[in-house]
Amino acid sequence: MIFLPPLPLRKTKRCERCGLRTPKSETACQHCATISDGKALDDFIQEWNDNHEGNKSLGLIFFIISLILIGGIAIVAL
């Protein structure tokens, strides 16, 4: 069996404007540095939150499917 070394953790900080994480080595947030308008920033944050909610529900769907598959395999194995 081959053991791979763990991936190094990137040091990040939370942006004060948008609340997203960005590398500490960056001087400006990679997400919101180009956004200068307050309304555009609010729209960006809302869109990011909507996408995040969609990803969270997709993860839940995959989790339920995996439970069903594991349960089916366990039943067949008996």
Protein backbone atom coordinates (compact mmCIF):
# COMPACT_ATOMS: atom_id res chain seq x y z
CA MET A 1 0.00 0.00 0.00
CA ILE A 2 1.32 3.46 -0.91
CA PHE A 3 1.01 6.23 1.62
CA LEU A 4 0.95 9.77 0.30
CA PRO A 5 1.99 12.70 2.45
CA PRO A 6 -0.87 14.94 3.58
CA LEU A 7 -1.54 18.05 1.56
CA PRO A 8 -0.21 21.20 3.18
CA LEU A 9 -2.87 23.45 4.66
CA ARG A 10 -3.06 26.88 3.13
CA LYS A 11 -3.13 29.71 5.61
CA THR A 12 -6.20 31.83 5.00
CA LYS A 13 -7.94 34.83 6.45
CA ARG A 14 -11.55 35.97 6.32
CA CYS A 15 -12.27 39.02 4.16
CA GLU A 16 -13.92 41.85 6.07
CA ARG A 17 -16.01 42.93 3.04
CA CYS A 18 -17.45 39.69 1.69
CA GLY A 19 -16.75 37.24 4.52
CA LEU A 20 -15.10 34.64 2.26
CA ARG A 21 -11.71 33.08 2.93
CA THR A 22 -8.69 34.23 0.96
CA PRO A 23 -4.98 33.29 1.21
CA LYS A 24 -3.01 35.26 3.79
CA SER A 25 -0.33 35.94 1.19
CA GLU A 26 -2.80 37.96 -0.93
CA THR A 27 -3.01 41.68 -0.17
CA ALA A 28 -6.55 41.99 -1.58
CA CYS A 29 -9.48 39.57 -1.53
CA GLN A 30 -9.59 37.49 -4.69
CA HIS A 31 -13.39 37.44 -4.55
CA CYS A 32 -14.41 41.05 -4.02
CA ALA A 33 -11.36 43.21 -4.78
CA THR A 34 -12.70 44.16 -8.21
CA ILE A 35 -16.17 45.04 -6.89
CA SER A 36 -16.41 48.71 -5.95
CA ASP A 37 -20.19 49.24 -5.81
CA GLY A 38 -22.03 48.36 -2.59
CA LYS A 39 -25.05 47.02 -4.50
CA ALA A 40 -22.81 44.83 -6.68
CA LEU A 41 -21.10 43.49 -3.54
CA ASP A 42 -24.48 42.66 -1.98
CA ASP A 43 -25.52 40.90 -5.21
CA PHE A 44 -22.25 38.92 -5.24
CA ILE A 45 -22.68 37.82 -1.62
CA GLN A 46 -26.31 36.82 -2.25
CA GLU A 47 -25.35 34.83 -5.36
CA TRP A 48 -22.54 33.09 -3.47
CA ASN A 49 -24.92 32.19 -0.63
CA ASP A 50 -27.49 30.83 -3.10
CA ASN A 51 -24.82 28.68 -4.79
CA HIS A 52 -23.59 27.47 -1.41
CA GLU A 53 -27.11 26.42 -0.38
CA GLY A 54 -27.49 24.53 -3.66
CA ASN A 55 -24.20 22.72 -3.09
CA LYS A 56 -25.21 21.85 0.47
CA SER A 57 -28.48 20.28 -0.69
CA LEU A 58 -26.63 18.37 -3.43
CA GLY A 59 -24.25 16.99 -0.79
CA LEU A 60 -27.23 15.86 1.27
CA ILE A 61 -28.69 14.06 -1.76
CA PHE A 62 -25.39 12.23 -2.35
CA PHE A 63 -25.22 11.28 1.33
CA ILE A 64 -28.75 9.81 1.26
CA ILE A 65 -28.00 7.89 -1.95
CA SER A 66 -24.84 6.46 -0.40
CA LEU A 67 -26.78 5.35 2.69
CA ILE A 68 -29.34 3.61 0.47
CA LEU A 69 -26.58 1.88 -1.51
CA ILE A 70 -24.74 0.77 1.64
CA GLY A 71 -28.01 -0.52 3.10
CA GLY A 72 -28.75 -2.41 -0.10
CA ILE A 73 -25.31 -3.97 -0.16
CA ALA A 74 -25.65 -4.97 3.51
CA ILE A 75 -29.04 -6.62 2.83
CA VAL A 76 -27.70 -8.51 -0.21
CA ALA A 77 -24.63 -9.65 1.76
CA LEU A 78 -26.80 -11.30 4.41
